[in-house]
Amino acid sequence: MASASLPDPLTVLDQDRRIVHVNRAFETTFGWEAGDAIGRVPDFVLPDPQAWVAISQVLRQGLLAGAQPPLELTFRARDGHSI
């Protein structure tokens, strides 16, 4: 798969927000192997599970405006450190 060579973490979600694919950069950056992440809602990498609400609102507003809004997020690795 082409995503394997991407240097940045990639996560693909289904319509239920469950992970269906992660690339190698996701595994090395976050410390979660694909088998541990696939099938889960990715709130385990967000420091605040309620962040999904804010992320969804910003993305929805940007899509409605026909633009990609700037979005800066902090994530959490498996060992608890912030990314």
N, C-alpha and C. Protein backbone atom coordinates (compact mmCIF):
# COMPACT_ATOMS: atom_id res chain seq x y z
N MET A 1 0.84 -1.17 0.00
CA MET A 1 0.00 0.00 0.00
C MET A 1 0.89 1.24 0.00
N ALA A 2 0.48 2.26 -0.72
CA ALA A 2 1.28 3.48 -0.87
C ALA A 2 1.51 4.20 0.46
N SER A 3 0.59 4.06 1.40
CA SER A 3 0.73 4.77 2.67
C SER A 3 1.91 4.24 3.49
N ALA A 4 2.38 3.07 3.18
CA ALA A 4 3.49 2.47 3.95
C ALA A 4 4.74 3.33 3.88
N SER A 5 4.94 4.04 2.79
CA SER A 5 6.15 4.84 2.63
C SER A 5 5.98 6.30 3.07
N LEU A 6 4.78 6.68 3.51
CA LEU A 6 4.59 8.05 3.98
C LEU A 6 5.37 8.29 5.27
N PRO A 7 6.05 9.44 5.37
CA PRO A 7 6.82 9.70 6.59
C PRO A 7 5.95 10.13 7.78
N ASP A 8 4.73 10.57 7.51
CA ASP A 8 3.83 11.04 8.56
C ASP A 8 2.80 9.98 8.92
N PRO A 9 2.36 9.97 10.17
CA PRO A 9 1.34 9.00 10.58
C PRO A 9 0.05 9.19 9.79
N LEU A 10 -0.53 8.08 9.37
CA LEU A 10 -1.81 8.11 8.64
C LEU A 10 -2.76 7.14 9.31
N THR A 11 -3.97 7.61 9.54
CA THR A 11 -5.02 6.78 10.11
C THR A 11 -6.24 6.91 9.22
N VAL A 12 -6.82 5.81 8.81
CA VAL A 12 -8.03 5.81 7.99
C VAL A 12 -9.16 5.29 8.86
N LEU A 13 -10.27 6.05 8.89
CA LEU A 13 -11.43 5.70 9.70
C LEU A 13 -12.60 5.33 8.82
N ASP A 14 -13.49 4.50 9.35
CA ASP A 14 -14.73 4.20 8.65
C ASP A 14 -15.81 5.19 9.10
N GLN A 15 -17.02 5.00 8.64
CA GLN A 15 -18.11 5.94 8.95
C GLN A 15 -18.47 5.94 10.43
N ASP A 16 -18.06 4.93 11.16
CA ASP A 16 -18.32 4.86 12.60
C ASP A 16 -17.14 5.36 13.42
N ARG A 17 -16.16 6.00 12.75
CA ARG A 17 -14.94 6.54 13.35
C ARG A 17 -14.05 5.45 13.92
N ARG A 18 -14.15 4.24 13.39
CA ARG A 18 -13.27 3.16 13.82
C ARG A 18 -12.09 3.08 12.84
N ILE A 19 -10.92 2.79 13.37
CA ILE A 19 -9.72 2.69 12.55
C ILE A 19 -9.79 1.45 11.68
N VAL A 20 -9.56 1.65 10.38
CA VAL A 20 -9.50 0.52 9.45
C VAL A 20 -8.10 0.33 8.88
N HIS A 21 -7.24 1.34 9.04
CA HIS A 21 -5.87 1.24 8.52
C HIS A 21 -5.00 2.26 9.23
N VAL A 22 -3.78 1.87 9.55
CA VAL A 22 -2.73 2.79 9.99
C VAL A 22 -1.46 2.43 9.22
N ASN A 23 -0.59 3.41 9.04
CA ASN A 23 0.66 3.11 8.36
C ASN A 23 1.78 2.89 9.38
N ARG A 24 2.95 2.55 8.89
CA ARG A 24 4.09 2.26 9.77
C ARG A 24 4.48 3.48 10.59
N ALA A 25 4.36 4.68 10.01
CA ALA A 25 4.70 5.91 10.75
C ALA A 25 3.77 6.09 11.95
N PHE A 26 2.52 5.68 11.83
CA PHE A 26 1.60 5.72 12.98
C PHE A 26 2.13 4.81 14.08
N GLU A 27 2.53 3.60 13.70
CA GLU A 27 3.02 2.63 14.67
C GLU A 27 4.25 3.14 15.42
N THR A 28 5.21 3.70 14.69
CA THR A 28 6.43 4.16 15.33
C THR A 28 6.22 5.45 16.11
N THR A 29 5.35 6.32 15.63
CA THR A 29 5.10 7.60 16.31
C THR A 29 4.31 7.41 17.59
N PHE A 30 3.26 6.61 17.52
CA PHE A 30 2.36 6.48 18.66
C PHE A 30 2.64 5.26 19.54
N GLY A 31 3.41 4.31 19.04
CA GLY A 31 3.73 3.13 19.83
C GLY A 31 2.65 2.07 19.83
N TRP A 32 1.68 2.19 18.96
CA TRP A 32 0.59 1.20 18.84
C TRP A 32 0.79 0.43 17.55
N GLU A 33 0.78 -0.88 17.61
CA GLU A 33 0.85 -1.70 16.41
C GLU A 33 -0.52 -1.67 15.73
N ALA A 34 -0.52 -1.88 14.43
CA ALA A 34 -1.76 -1.85 13.66
C ALA A 34 -2.82 -2.76 14.26
N GLY A 35 -2.44 -3.97 14.65
CA GLY A 35 -3.39 -4.92 15.21
C GLY A 35 -4.04 -4.45 16.50
N ASP A 36 -3.33 -3.58 17.24
CA ASP A 36 -3.89 -3.03 18.48
C ASP A 36 -4.80 -1.84 18.23
N ALA A 37 -4.61 -1.17 17.08
CA ALA A 37 -5.37 0.05 16.79
C ALA A 37 -6.59 -0.21 15.91
N ILE A 38 -6.48 -1.13 14.95
CA ILE A 38 -7.57 -1.37 14.01
C ILE A 38 -8.81 -1.86 14.75
N GLY A 39 -9.94 -1.24 14.41
CA GLY A 39 -11.21 -1.58 15.02
C GLY A 39 -11.59 -0.68 16.18
N ARG A 40 -10.64 0.14 16.63
CA ARG A 40 -10.90 1.03 17.75
C ARG A 40 -11.23 2.44 17.27
N VAL A 41 -11.99 3.17 18.07
CA VAL A 41 -12.16 4.60 17.86
C VAL A 41 -10.87 5.25 18.35
N PRO A 42 -10.26 6.14 17.57
CA PRO A 42 -8.91 6.61 17.91
C PRO A 42 -8.83 7.64 19.03
N ASP A 43 -9.81 7.69 19.91
CA ASP A 43 -9.70 8.64 21.02
C ASP A 43 -8.58 8.26 21.99
N PHE A 44 -8.02 7.07 21.87
CA PHE A 44 -6.91 6.67 22.73
C PHE A 44 -5.63 7.42 22.41
N VAL A 45 -5.57 8.12 21.27
CA VAL A 45 -4.41 8.95 20.95
C VAL A 45 -4.67 10.43 21.23
N LEU A 46 -5.87 10.76 21.69
CA LEU A 46 -6.20 12.15 22.02
C LEU A 46 -6.12 12.34 23.53
N PRO A 47 -5.46 13.41 23.99
CA PRO A 47 -5.37 13.63 25.42
C PRO A 47 -6.73 13.86 26.06
N ASP A 48 -7.65 14.40 25.29
CA ASP A 48 -9.00 14.67 25.78
C ASP A 48 -9.99 14.02 24.82
N PRO A 49 -10.68 12.96 25.24
CA PRO A 49 -11.63 12.28 24.34
C PRO A 49 -12.69 13.21 23.76
N GLN A 50 -13.00 14.29 24.46
CA GLN A 50 -13.98 15.25 23.94
C GLN A 50 -13.42 16.08 22.78
N ALA A 51 -12.15 15.93 22.50
CA ALA A 51 -11.55 16.67 21.39
C ALA A 51 -12.23 16.35 20.07
N TRP A 52 -12.84 15.15 19.96
CA TRP A 52 -13.53 14.79 18.72
C TRP A 52 -14.62 15.79 18.38
N VAL A 53 -15.28 16.32 19.39
CA VAL A 53 -16.35 17.30 19.16
C VAL A 53 -15.77 18.54 18.50
N ALA A 54 -14.69 19.07 19.05
CA ALA A 54 -14.06 20.27 18.50
C ALA A 54 -13.49 20.01 17.11
N ILE A 55 -12.83 18.87 16.93
CA ILE A 55 -12.27 18.53 15.62
C ILE A 55 -13.37 18.45 14.58
N SER A 56 -14.45 17.78 14.90
CA SER A 56 -15.57 17.62 13.97
C SER A 56 -16.16 18.97 13.58
N GLN A 57 -16.31 19.86 14.55
CA GLN A 57 -16.89 21.18 14.27
C GLN A 57 -16.00 21.98 13.33
N VAL A 58 -14.70 21.99 13.60
CA VAL A 58 -13.77 22.74 12.75
C VAL A 58 -13.75 22.17 11.34
N LEU A 59 -13.68 20.86 11.21
CA LEU A 59 -13.65 20.25 9.88
C LEU A 59 -14.96 20.48 9.12
N ARG A 60 -16.08 20.35 9.81
CA ARG A 60 -17.37 20.56 9.18
C ARG A 60 -17.50 22.00 8.67
N GLN A 61 -17.11 22.98 9.47
CA GLN A 61 -17.17 24.37 9.05
C GLN A 61 -16.28 24.61 7.83
N GLY A 62 -15.09 24.03 7.84
CA GLY A 62 -14.19 24.19 6.71
C GLY A 62 -14.74 23.57 5.44
N LEU A 63 -15.31 22.38 5.56
CA LEU A 63 -15.87 21.71 4.38
C LEU A 63 -17.04 22.49 3.82
N LEU A 64 -17.88 23.02 4.70
CA LEU A 64 -19.02 23.81 4.24
C LEU A 64 -18.57 25.09 3.55
N ALA A 65 -17.44 25.63 3.99
CA ALA A 65 -16.90 26.86 3.39
C ALA A 65 -16.04 26.56 2.17
N GLY A 66 -15.82 25.27 1.89
CA GLY A 66 -15.00 24.90 0.74
C GLY A 66 -13.52 25.12 0.97
N ALA A 67 -13.09 25.05 2.21
CA ALA A 67 -11.68 25.28 2.54
C ALA A 67 -11.21 24.23 3.53
N GLN A 68 -9.91 24.12 3.61
CA GLN A 68 -9.34 23.23 4.62
C GLN A 68 -8.88 24.11 5.77
N PRO A 69 -9.58 24.04 6.90
CA PRO A 69 -9.24 24.91 8.02
C PRO A 69 -7.93 24.50 8.68
N PRO A 70 -7.21 25.48 9.23
CA PRO A 70 -6.01 25.12 9.98
C PRO A 70 -6.42 24.38 11.25
N LEU A 71 -5.70 23.35 11.56
CA LEU A 71 -6.06 22.52 12.71
C LEU A 71 -4.77 22.04 13.36
N GLU A 72 -4.55 22.45 14.60
CA GLU A 72 -3.37 22.01 15.33
C GLU A 72 -3.84 21.16 16.51
N LEU A 73 -3.32 19.95 16.58
CA LEU A 73 -3.76 19.01 17.60
C LEU A 73 -2.59 18.48 18.41
N THR A 74 -2.86 18.13 19.63
CA THR A 74 -1.90 17.42 20.46
C THR A 74 -2.41 16.00 20.60
N PHE A 75 -1.51 15.05 20.41
CA PHE A 75 -1.87 13.65 20.53
C PHE A 75 -1.13 13.02 21.70
N ARG A 76 -1.50 11.79 22.04
CA ARG A 76 -0.87 11.07 23.14
C ARG A 76 -0.35 9.73 22.61
N ALA A 77 0.91 9.48 22.87
CA ALA A 77 1.50 8.18 22.49
C ALA A 77 1.10 7.12 23.51
N ARG A 78 1.35 5.88 23.16
CA ARG A 78 0.98 4.76 24.05
C ARG A 78 1.64 4.90 25.42
N ASP A 79 2.85 5.43 25.46
CA ASP A 79 3.55 5.58 26.75
C ASP A 79 3.12 6.83 27.52
N GLY A 80 2.16 7.59 26.94
CA GLY A 80 1.61 8.76 27.63
C GLY A 80 2.22 10.09 27.28
N HIS A 81 3.33 10.10 26.55
CA HIS A 81 3.94 11.41 26.21
C HIS A 81 3.13 12.10 25.12
N SER A 82 3.17 13.44 25.14
CA SER A 82 2.44 14.25 24.18
C SER A 82 3.22 14.39 22.88
N ILE A 83 2.46 14.40 21.80
CA ILE A 83 3.03 14.56 20.46
C ILE A 83 2.39 15.79 19.83
